[in-house]
Amino acid sequence: MDTLTLTPEQEQRADELYQRFQDLFCEEAKRVARLLASKSDDQLLGKTEFELRDRVHELAARSLQTALDERKKGGTRGRP
């Protein structure tokens, strides 16, 4: 995805969202690190994979909600 070519306005919106995501992503990274650290080598695959997938899906949902909320309040603009 980092090969996307954005207009200057889109790049500005991306930067604004990136700043909003910082705390969200850092908090989740800590949760993921704690989850993985709590598992022994033989527990990393299987159930832990699903737990990790669920955490990442939740992060994606929260990211999307943040983007939607920003557009609703005028923090970022809709399509030109």
C-alpha atoms as a PDB file:
ATOM      1  CA  MET A   1       0.000   0.000   0.000  1.00  0.00           C
ATOM      2  CA  ASP A   2       2.911   2.379   0.467  1.00  0.00           C
ATOM      3  CA  THR A   3       3.089   2.680  -3.324  1.00  0.00           C
ATOM      4  CA  LEU A   4      -0.119   4.744  -3.391  1.00  0.00           C
ATOM      5  CA  THR A   5       0.195   8.064  -5.135  1.00  0.00           C
ATOM      6  CA  LEU A   6      -1.772  10.677  -3.240  1.00  0.00           C
ATOM      7  CA  THR A   7      -2.689  14.219  -4.056  1.00  0.00           C
ATOM      8  CA  PRO A   8      -1.276  16.834  -1.673  1.00  0.00           C
ATOM      9  CA  GLU A   9      -4.712  17.085  -0.020  1.00  0.00           C
ATOM     10  CA  GLN A  10      -4.923  13.307   0.419  1.00  0.00           C
ATOM     11  CA  GLU A  11      -1.389  13.246   1.814  1.00  0.00           C
ATOM     12  CA  GLN A  12      -2.391  15.888   4.352  1.00  0.00           C
ATOM     13  CA  ARG A  13      -5.427  13.811   5.362  1.00  0.00           C
ATOM     14  CA  ALA A  14      -3.209  10.723   5.649  1.00  0.00           C
ATOM     15  CA  ASP A  15      -0.805  12.610   7.907  1.00  0.00           C
ATOM     16  CA  GLU A  16      -3.682  13.791  10.112  1.00  0.00           C
ATOM     17  CA  LEU A  17      -5.016  10.257  10.465  1.00  0.00           C
ATOM     18  CA  TYR A  18      -1.525   8.916  11.110  1.00  0.00           C
ATOM     19  CA  GLN A  19      -1.186  11.312  14.036  1.00  0.00           C
ATOM     20  CA  ARG A  20      -4.579  10.243  15.406  1.00  0.00           C
ATOM     21  CA  PHE A  21      -3.611   6.570  15.119  1.00  0.00           C
ATOM     22  CA  GLN A  22      -0.381   6.883  17.106  1.00  0.00           C
ATOM     23  CA  ASP A  23      -1.819   6.274  20.585  1.00  0.00           C
ATOM     24  CA  LEU A  24      -4.264   3.660  19.328  1.00  0.00           C
ATOM     25  CA  PHE A  25      -1.556   1.656  17.552  1.00  0.00           C
ATOM     26  CA  CYS A  26       0.952   1.945  20.394  1.00  0.00           C
ATOM     27  CA  GLU A  27      -1.584   0.723  22.946  1.00  0.00           C
ATOM     28  CA  GLU A  28      -2.471  -2.237  20.755  1.00  0.00           C
ATOM     29  CA  ALA A  29       1.195  -3.044  20.073  1.00  0.00           C
ATOM     30  CA  LYS A  30       1.705  -3.273  23.844  1.00  0.00           C
ATOM     31  CA  ARG A  31      -1.290  -5.625  24.178  1.00  0.00           C
ATOM     32  CA  VAL A  32       0.013  -7.818  21.345  1.00  0.00           C
ATOM     33  CA  ALA A  33       3.498  -7.884  22.870  1.00  0.00           C
ATOM     34  CA  ARG A  34       2.052  -8.893  26.248  1.00  0.00           C
ATOM     35  CA  LEU A  35      -0.065 -11.612  24.627  1.00  0.00           C
ATOM     36  CA  LEU A  36       2.914 -13.071  22.780  1.00  0.00           C
ATOM     37  CA  ALA A  37       5.206 -12.799  25.804  1.00  0.00           C
ATOM     38  CA  SER A  38       2.667 -14.705  27.900  1.00  0.00           C
ATOM     39  CA  LYS A  39       2.817 -17.748  25.621  1.00  0.00           C
ATOM     40  CA  SER A  40       5.376 -20.511  25.591  1.00  0.00           C
ATOM     41  CA  ASP A  41       6.963 -21.586  22.301  1.00  0.00           C
ATOM     42  CA  ASP A  42       4.496 -24.434  21.880  1.00  0.00           C
ATOM     43  CA  GLN A  43       1.530 -22.058  22.377  1.00  0.00           C
ATOM     44  CA  LEU A  44       2.423 -19.459  19.725  1.00  0.00           C
ATOM     45  CA  LEU A  45       0.556 -21.212  16.938  1.00  0.00           C
ATOM     46  CA  GLY A  46      -3.058 -22.314  16.958  1.00  0.00           C
ATOM     47  CA  LYS A  47      -5.258 -20.522  19.499  1.00  0.00           C
ATOM     48  CA  THR A  48      -2.782 -17.658  19.903  1.00  0.00           C
ATOM     49  CA  GLU A  49      -2.885 -16.990  16.150  1.00  0.00           C
ATOM     50  CA  PHE A  50      -6.639 -16.519  16.387  1.00  0.00           C
ATOM     51  CA  GLU A  51      -6.305 -14.277  19.425  1.00  0.00           C
ATOM     52  CA  LEU A  52      -3.747 -12.178  17.563  1.00  0.00           C
ATOM     53  CA  ARG A  53      -5.925 -12.031  14.441  1.00  0.00           C
ATOM     54  CA  ASP A  54      -8.872 -10.875  16.544  1.00  0.00           C
ATOM     55  CA  ARG A  55      -6.734  -8.099  18.085  1.00  0.00           C
ATOM     56  CA  VAL A  56      -5.613  -6.913  14.638  1.00  0.00           C
ATOM     57  CA  HIS A  57      -9.183  -6.984  13.314  1.00  0.00           C
ATOM     58  CA  GLU A  58     -10.300  -4.922  16.295  1.00  0.00           C
ATOM     59  CA  LEU A  59      -7.497  -2.431  15.608  1.00  0.00           C
ATOM     60  CA  ALA A  60      -8.608  -2.160  11.973  1.00  0.00           C
ATOM     61  CA  ALA A  61     -12.216  -1.568  13.047  1.00  0.00           C
ATOM     62  CA  ARG A  62     -11.155   1.133  15.510  1.00  0.00           C
ATOM     63  CA  SER A  63      -8.976   2.753  12.833  1.00  0.00           C
ATOM     64  CA  LEU A  64     -11.864   2.835  10.384  1.00  0.00           C
ATOM     65  CA  GLN A  65     -14.160   4.288  13.038  1.00  0.00           C
ATOM     66  CA  THR A  66     -11.596   6.994  13.788  1.00  0.00           C
ATOM     67  CA  ALA A  67     -11.407   7.892  10.095  1.00  0.00           C
ATOM     68  CA  LEU A  68     -15.203   8.022   9.845  1.00  0.00           C
ATOM     69  CA  ASP A  69     -15.504  10.151  12.984  1.00  0.00           C
ATOM     70  CA  GLU A  70     -12.919  12.603  11.660  1.00  0.00           C
ATOM     71  CA  ARG A  71     -14.826  13.017   8.411  1.00  0.00           C
ATOM     72  CA  LYS A  72     -18.119  13.556  10.250  1.00  0.00           C
ATOM     73  CA  LYS A  73     -16.691  16.349  12.391  1.00  0.00           C
ATOM     74  CA  GLY A  74     -14.768  17.915   9.523  1.00  0.00           C
ATOM     75  CA  GLY A  75     -11.310  16.807  10.639  1.00  0.00           C
ATOM     76  CA  THR A  76     -10.782  15.290   7.218  1.00  0.00           C
ATOM     77  CA  ARG A  77     -12.799  15.910   4.110  1.00  0.00           C
ATOM     78  CA  GLY A  78     -14.706  13.451   1.982  1.00  0.00           C
ATOM     79  CA  ARG A  79     -13.947  12.686  -1.625  1.00  0.00           C
ATOM     80  CA  PRO A  80     -13.207  15.733  -3.751  1.00  0.00           C
END
